[in-house]
Amino acid sequence: MTRSMQSMLTKAALALAATGSIIAISGCAPLVIGGAVAVVAMTEDRRSTGVFIDDENIENRAILKVKSRFGSQVHINITSYNLHVLISGEVPTEAVRQQVEEEVRGIGKITRIHNELVVGPLAGVIAVSNDTRLTGLVKTRFLEANRFQVNHVKVVTEAGVVFLMGIVRRAEADAASQLASTTSGVRSVVRLFEYLD
């Protein structure tokens, strides 16, 4: 058995064990489905199981810290992939932009921060909905093109700008960038990849 297959089986076993524990505690059927999705995502992910879990924790803790300090004066999204964190959204001033980054940096375990916050008015419901739609369109194009494994590329959209994260080969990065940049409605693409080659 190859090291890759052993790693995949270990991730699956850990995810199943975690899912089983949650189900035993709560007895909720939706958790079974969510747990199954988590198992598939973790087994096919290029991150280790520990880093996968760390990324989830970083996102949750950072959002809580930022929201508790700044509340509704900011519109923030935090995305962590392989301990690289993307902070996106809108803030009222440059000072708040820097303070948000400081709050996130205080979480720990983060190896790099991409602060892409924009100083300006907060995005409204229509803009946020449009960004969600664009993310869905980009992911659909990834699936249809079938040029790389789609869960190796994380897609985040803010104000029509698509941010791409992941641990990829350069050919995969080029394919993802080309597909994203030619998706109708996408203003620009920002590559925040880590490369395997």
C-alpha atoms as a PDB file:
ATOM      1  CA  MET A   1       0.000   0.000   0.000  1.00  0.00           C
ATOM      2  CA  THR A   2       1.402   3.400  -0.978  1.00  0.00           C
ATOM      3  CA  ARG A   3       1.984   6.175   1.531  1.00  0.00           C
ATOM      4  CA  SER A   4      -0.680   8.255  -0.260  1.00  0.00           C
ATOM      5  CA  MET A   5      -3.281   5.501   0.149  1.00  0.00           C
ATOM      6  CA  GLN A   6      -2.340   5.017   3.816  1.00  0.00           C
ATOM      7  CA  SER A   7      -2.741   8.750   4.406  1.00  0.00           C
ATOM      8  CA  MET A   8      -6.111   8.729   2.648  1.00  0.00           C
ATOM      9  CA  LEU A   9      -7.340   5.781   4.743  1.00  0.00           C
ATOM     10  CA  THR A  10      -6.112   7.425   7.941  1.00  0.00           C
ATOM     11  CA  LYS A  11      -7.970  10.633   7.086  1.00  0.00           C
ATOM     12  CA  ALA A  12     -11.136   8.688   6.312  1.00  0.00           C
ATOM     13  CA  ALA A  13     -10.917   6.714   9.563  1.00  0.00           C
ATOM     14  CA  LEU A  14     -10.377   9.847  11.648  1.00  0.00           C
ATOM     15  CA  ALA A  15     -13.221  11.672   9.935  1.00  0.00           C
ATOM     16  CA  LEU A  16     -15.548   8.700  10.409  1.00  0.00           C
ATOM     17  CA  ALA A  17     -14.606   8.449  14.068  1.00  0.00           C
ATOM     18  CA  ALA A  18     -15.280  12.167  14.570  1.00  0.00           C
ATOM     19  CA  THR A  19     -18.581  11.885  12.724  1.00  0.00           C
ATOM     20  CA  GLY A  20     -19.598   8.881  14.779  1.00  0.00           C
ATOM     21  CA  SER A  21     -18.849  10.743  18.004  1.00  0.00           C
ATOM     22  CA  ILE A  22     -20.965  13.699  16.937  1.00  0.00           C
ATOM     23  CA  ILE A  23     -23.830  11.432  15.922  1.00  0.00           C
ATOM     24  CA  ALA A  24     -23.672   9.536  19.209  1.00  0.00           C
ATOM     25  CA  ILE A  25     -23.876  12.800  21.141  1.00  0.00           C
ATOM     26  CA  SER A  26     -26.654  14.441  19.157  1.00  0.00           C
ATOM     27  CA  GLY A  27     -28.446  11.736  17.202  1.00  0.00           C
ATOM     28  CA  CYS A  28     -29.102  14.188  14.360  1.00  0.00           C
ATOM     29  CA  ALA A  29     -29.490  12.818  10.827  1.00  0.00           C
ATOM     30  CA  PRO A  30     -28.155  15.997   9.124  1.00  0.00           C
ATOM     31  CA  LEU A  31     -24.849  15.442  10.886  1.00  0.00           C
ATOM     32  CA  VAL A  32     -24.578  12.024   9.269  1.00  0.00           C
ATOM     33  CA  ILE A  33     -24.805  13.613   5.833  1.00  0.00           C
ATOM     34  CA  GLY A  34     -22.468  16.475   6.786  1.00  0.00           C
ATOM     35  CA  GLY A  35     -20.026  13.975   8.270  1.00  0.00           C
ATOM     36  CA  ALA A  36     -20.079  11.895   5.103  1.00  0.00           C
ATOM     37  CA  VAL A  37     -19.283  14.987   3.039  1.00  0.00           C
ATOM     38  CA  ALA A  38     -16.433  15.834   5.420  1.00  0.00           C
ATOM     39  CA  VAL A  39     -15.029  12.295   5.044  1.00  0.00           C
ATOM     40  CA  VAL A  40     -14.971  12.592   1.246  1.00  0.00           C
ATOM     41  CA  ALA A  41     -13.459  16.089   1.365  1.00  0.00           C
ATOM     42  CA  MET A  42     -10.748  15.054   3.805  1.00  0.00           C
ATOM     43  CA  THR A  43      -9.769  11.851   2.006  1.00  0.00           C
ATOM     44  CA  GLU A  44      -9.210  13.672  -1.289  1.00  0.00           C
ATOM     45  CA  ASP A  45      -7.557  16.747   0.213  1.00  0.00           C
ATOM     46  CA  ARG A  46      -3.832  17.467  -0.195  1.00  0.00           C
ATOM     47  CA  ARG A  47      -3.670  18.850   3.333  1.00  0.00           C
ATOM     48  CA  SER A  48      -3.036  16.557   6.289  1.00  0.00           C
ATOM     49  CA  THR A  49      -6.005  15.770   8.516  1.00  0.00           C
ATOM     50  CA  GLY A  50      -4.518  17.936  11.264  1.00  0.00           C
ATOM     51  CA  VAL A  51      -4.093  20.940   8.960  1.00  0.00           C
ATOM     52  CA  PHE A  52      -7.607  20.423   7.536  1.00  0.00           C
ATOM     53  CA  ILE A  53      -8.987  20.671  11.091  1.00  0.00           C
ATOM     54  CA  ASP A  54      -6.674  23.589  11.949  1.00  0.00           C
ATOM     55  CA  ASP A  55      -7.969  25.503   8.909  1.00  0.00           C
ATOM     56  CA  GLU A  56     -11.573  25.039  10.070  1.00  0.00           C
ATOM     57  CA  ASN A  57     -10.665  26.175  13.581  1.00  0.00           C
ATOM     58  CA  ILE A  58      -8.759  29.224  12.304  1.00  0.00           C
ATOM     59  CA  GLU A  59     -11.739  30.336  10.216  1.00  0.00           C
ATOM     60  CA  ASN A  60     -14.237  29.900  13.058  1.00  0.00           C
ATOM     61  CA  ARG A  61     -12.075  31.525  15.735  1.00  0.00           C
ATOM     62  CA  ALA A  62     -11.053  34.440  13.495  1.00  0.00           C
ATOM     63  CA  ILE A  63     -14.632  35.267  12.494  1.00  0.00           C
ATOM     64  CA  LEU A  64     -15.734  35.183  16.138  1.00  0.00           C
ATOM     65  CA  LYS A  65     -12.873  37.472  17.198  1.00  0.00           C
ATOM     66  CA  VAL A  66     -13.445  39.969  14.405  1.00  0.00           C
ATOM     67  CA  LYS A  67     -17.236  40.025  14.768  1.00  0.00           C
ATOM     68  CA  SER A  68     -17.051  40.419  18.545  1.00  0.00           C
ATOM     69  CA  ARG A  69     -14.699  43.396  18.209  1.00  0.00           C
ATOM     70  CA  PHE A  70     -16.091  45.178  15.134  1.00  0.00           C
ATOM     71  CA  GLY A  71     -19.677  43.905  14.835  1.00  0.00           C
ATOM     72  CA  SER A  72     -21.699  45.274  11.937  1.00  0.00           C
ATOM     73  CA  GLN A  73     -19.197  48.000  10.993  1.00  0.00           C
ATOM     74  CA  VAL A  74     -17.325  45.428   8.842  1.00  0.00           C
ATOM     75  CA  HIS A  75     -18.183  42.813   6.218  1.00  0.00           C
ATOM     76  CA  ILE A  76     -15.515  40.130   6.587  1.00  0.00           C
ATOM     77  CA  ASN A  77     -14.840  36.691   5.158  1.00  0.00           C
ATOM     78  CA  ILE A  78     -12.002  34.565   6.511  1.00  0.00           C
ATOM     79  CA  THR A  79     -10.726  31.629   4.479  1.00  0.00           C
ATOM     80  CA  SER A  80      -7.904  29.388   5.667  1.00  0.00           C
ATOM     81  CA  TYR A  81      -6.240  26.840   3.393  1.00  0.00           C
ATOM     82  CA  ASN A  82      -3.100  25.031   4.539  1.00  0.00           C
ATOM     83  CA  LEU A  83      -2.684  27.665   7.267  1.00  0.00           C
ATOM     84  CA  HIS A  84      -2.627  30.473   4.661  1.00  0.00           C
ATOM     85  CA  VAL A  85      -5.416  32.897   5.508  1.00  0.00           C
ATOM     86  CA  LEU A  86      -7.328  35.147   3.133  1.00  0.00           C
ATOM     87  CA  ILE A  87      -9.141  38.074   4.750  1.00  0.00           C
ATOM     88  CA  SER A  88     -11.618  39.618   2.328  1.00  0.00           C
ATOM     89  CA  GLY A  89     -14.540  42.023   2.508  1.00  0.00           C
ATOM     90  CA  GLU A  90     -14.982  45.684   3.322  1.00  0.00           C
ATOM     91  CA  VAL A  91     -14.036  47.890   6.267  1.00  0.00           C
ATOM     92  CA  PRO A  92     -14.670  51.603   6.967  1.00  0.00           C
ATOM     93  CA  THR A  93     -11.048  52.758   7.429  1.00  0.00           C
ATOM     94  CA  GLU A  94      -7.431  51.737   6.867  1.00  0.00           C
ATOM     95  CA  ALA A  95      -6.976  51.613  10.649  1.00  0.00           C
ATOM     96  CA  VAL A  96      -9.778  49.031  10.960  1.00  0.00           C
ATOM     97  CA  ARG A  97      -8.250  47.091   8.054  1.00  0.00           C
ATOM     98  CA  GLN A  98      -4.988  46.753   9.989  1.00  0.00           C
ATOM     99  CA  GLN A  99      -6.776  46.005  13.284  1.00  0.00           C
ATOM    100  CA  VAL A 100      -8.718  43.167  11.654  1.00  0.00           C
ATOM    101  CA  GLU A 101      -5.451  41.659  10.424  1.00  0.00           C
ATOM    102  CA  GLU A 102      -3.968  41.944  13.933  1.00  0.00           C
ATOM    103  CA  GLU A 103      -6.984  40.140  15.418  1.00  0.00           C
ATOM    104  CA  VAL A 104      -6.637  37.323  12.883  1.00  0.00           C
ATOM    105  CA  ARG A 105      -2.858  37.082  13.334  1.00  0.00           C
ATOM    106  CA  GLY A 106      -3.446  36.538  17.051  1.00  0.00           C
ATOM    107  CA  ILE A 107      -5.190  33.212  16.373  1.00  0.00           C
ATOM    108  CA  GLY A 108      -1.899  31.307  16.022  1.00  0.00           C
ATOM    109  CA  LYS A 109      -0.763  28.507  13.676  1.00  0.00           C
ATOM    110  CA  ILE A 110      -1.167  30.848  10.677  1.00  0.00           C
ATOM    111  CA  THR A 111       1.825  30.804   8.325  1.00  0.00           C
ATOM    112  CA  ARG A 112       0.717  33.599   5.971  1.00  0.00           C
ATOM    113  CA  ILE A 113      -2.015  36.245   5.788  1.00  0.00           C
ATOM    114  CA  HIS A 114      -3.365  37.734   2.559  1.00  0.00           C
ATOM    115  CA  ASN A 115      -5.185  40.897   3.654  1.00  0.00           C
ATOM    116  CA  GLU A 116      -7.438  41.739   0.708  1.00  0.00           C
ATOM    117  CA  LEU A 117      -9.841  43.924   2.677  1.00  0.00           C
ATOM    118  CA  VAL A 118     -11.121  46.970   0.806  1.00  0.00           C
ATOM    119  CA  VAL A 119     -11.699  50.297   2.533  1.00  0.00           C
ATOM    120  CA  GLY A 120     -15.148  51.441   1.484  1.00  0.00           C
ATOM    121  CA  PRO A 121     -18.881  50.893   1.876  1.00  0.00           C
ATOM    122  CA  LEU A 122     -20.009  47.441   3.020  1.00  0.00           C
ATOM    123  CA  ALA A 123     -21.364  45.090   0.375  1.00  0.00           C
ATOM    124  CA  GLY A 124     -25.141  44.887   0.258  1.00  0.00           C
ATOM    125  CA  VAL A 125     -27.309  41.796  -0.070  1.00  0.00           C
ATOM    126  CA  ILE A 126     -27.366  41.959  -3.883  1.00  0.00           C
ATOM    127  CA  ALA A 127     -23.557  42.194  -4.127  1.00  0.00           C
ATOM    128  CA  VAL A 128     -23.066  39.306  -1.679  1.00  0.00           C
ATOM    129  CA  SER A 129     -25.612  37.210  -3.603  1.00  0.00           C
ATOM    130  CA  ASN A 130     -23.829  37.981  -6.863  1.00  0.00           C
ATOM    131  CA  ASP A 131     -20.501  36.880  -5.365  1.00  0.00           C
ATOM    132  CA  THR A 132     -22.076  33.625  -4.165  1.00  0.00           C
ATOM    133  CA  ARG A 133     -23.502  33.076  -7.656  1.00  0.00           C
ATOM    134  CA  LEU A 134     -20.112  33.735  -9.281  1.00  0.00           C
ATOM    135  CA  THR A 135     -18.388  31.284  -6.926  1.00  0.00           C
ATOM    136  CA  GLY A 136     -20.956  28.664  -7.925  1.00  0.00           C
ATOM    137  CA  LEU A 137     -20.454  29.395 -11.641  1.00  0.00           C
ATOM    138  CA  VAL A 138     -16.676  29.092 -11.344  1.00  0.00           C
ATOM    139  CA  LYS A 139     -16.939  25.791  -9.459  1.00  0.00           C
ATOM    140  CA  THR A 140     -19.406  24.476 -12.054  1.00  0.00           C
ATOM    141  CA  ARG A 141     -16.981  25.359 -14.838  1.00  0.00           C
ATOM    142  CA  PHE A 142     -14.219  23.520 -12.947  1.00  0.00           C
ATOM    143  CA  LEU A 143     -16.417  20.417 -12.752  1.00  0.00           C
ATOM    144  CA  GLU A 144     -17.475  20.569 -16.392  1.00  0.00           C
ATOM    145  CA  ALA A 145     -13.916  21.094 -17.671  1.00  0.00           C
ATOM    146  CA  ASN A 146     -12.602  18.157 -15.591  1.00  0.00           C
ATOM    147  CA  ARG A 147      -9.002  19.397 -15.931  1.00  0.00           C
ATOM    148  CA  PHE A 148      -8.079  18.927 -12.251  1.00  0.00           C
ATOM    149  CA  GLN A 149      -9.643  17.659  -9.051  1.00  0.00           C
ATOM    150  CA  VAL A 150     -11.971  20.496  -8.042  1.00  0.00           C
ATOM    151  CA  ASN A 151     -11.523  20.153  -4.283  1.00  0.00           C
ATOM    152  CA  HIS A 152      -7.834  21.026  -4.703  1.00  0.00           C
ATOM    153  CA  VAL A 153      -8.830  24.627  -5.506  1.00  0.00           C
ATOM    154  CA  LYS A 154     -10.702  26.842  -3.043  1.00  0.00           C
ATOM    155  CA  VAL A 155     -12.768  29.617  -4.650  1.00  0.00           C
ATOM    156  CA  VAL A 156     -13.685  32.836  -2.823  1.00  0.00           C
ATOM    157  CA  THR A 157     -15.388  35.780  -4.554  1.00  0.00           C
ATOM    158  CA  GLU A 158     -15.549  39.384  -3.302  1.00  0.00           C
ATOM    159  CA  ALA A 159     -17.009  42.212  -5.410  1.00  0.00           C
ATOM    160  CA  GLY A 160     -16.533  40.138  -8.565  1.00  0.00           C
ATOM    161  CA  VAL A 161     -12.878  39.385  -7.796  1.00  0.00           C
ATOM    162  CA  VAL A 162     -12.191  35.642  -7.607  1.00  0.00           C
ATOM    163  CA  PHE A 163      -9.483  34.474  -5.205  1.00  0.00           C
ATOM    164  CA  LEU A 164      -8.065  30.998  -5.844  1.00  0.00           C
ATOM    165  CA  MET A 165      -6.296  29.067  -3.088  1.00  0.00           C
ATOM    166  CA  GLY A 166      -4.953  25.542  -2.874  1.00  0.00           C
ATOM    167  CA  ILE A 167      -1.985  23.212  -3.078  1.00  0.00           C
ATOM    168  CA  VAL A 168      -1.659  22.644  -6.808  1.00  0.00           C
ATOM    169  CA  ARG A 169       0.610  21.902  -9.715  1.00  0.00           C
ATOM    170  CA  ARG A 170       1.273  24.877 -11.993  1.00  0.00           C
ATOM    171  CA  ALA A 171      -0.775  23.315 -14.803  1.00  0.00           C
ATOM    172  CA  GLU A 172      -3.738  22.986 -12.413  1.00  0.00           C
ATOM    173  CA  ALA A 173      -3.304  26.612 -11.306  1.00  0.00           C
ATOM    174  CA  ASP A 174      -3.194  27.784 -14.920  1.00  0.00           C
ATOM    175  CA  ALA A 175      -6.324  25.792 -15.800  1.00  0.00           C
ATOM    176  CA  ALA A 176      -8.221  27.090 -12.748  1.00  0.00           C
ATOM    177  CA  SER A 177      -7.168  30.678 -13.455  1.00  0.00           C
ATOM    178  CA  GLN A 178      -8.143  30.445 -17.117  1.00  0.00           C
ATOM    179  CA  LEU A 179     -11.567  28.960 -16.337  1.00  0.00           C
ATOM    180  CA  ALA A 180     -12.255  31.500 -13.573  1.00  0.00           C
ATOM    181  CA  SER A 181     -11.121  34.518 -15.589  1.00  0.00           C
ATOM    182  CA  THR A 182     -13.340  33.578 -18.545  1.00  0.00           C
ATOM    183  CA  THR A 183     -16.448  33.128 -16.384  1.00  0.00           C
ATOM    184  CA  SER A 184     -19.051  35.764 -17.168  1.00  0.00           C
ATOM    185  CA  GLY A 185     -19.195  38.451 -14.482  1.00  0.00           C
ATOM    186  CA  VAL A 186     -15.732  37.832 -13.024  1.00  0.00           C
ATOM    187  CA  ARG A 187     -13.804  41.120 -12.853  1.00  0.00           C
ATOM    188  CA  SER A 188     -10.377  39.637 -12.084  1.00  0.00           C
ATOM    189  CA  VAL A 189      -8.638  36.589 -10.610  1.00  0.00           C
ATOM    190  CA  VAL A 190      -6.091  36.601  -7.795  1.00  0.00           C
ATOM    191  CA  ARG A 191      -3.904  33.509  -7.440  1.00  0.00           C
ATOM    192  CA  LEU A 192      -2.927  32.634  -3.872  1.00  0.00           C
ATOM    193  CA  PHE A 193      -1.720  29.109  -4.583  1.00  0.00           C
ATOM    194  CA  GLU A 194       1.025  26.997  -3.069  1.00  0.00           C
ATOM    195  CA  TYR A 195       2.783  24.982  -5.761  1.00  0.00           C
ATOM    196  CA  LEU A 196       3.787  21.329  -5.777  1.00  0.00           C
ATOM    197  CA  ASP A 197       6.184  21.805  -8.728  1.00  0.00           C
END
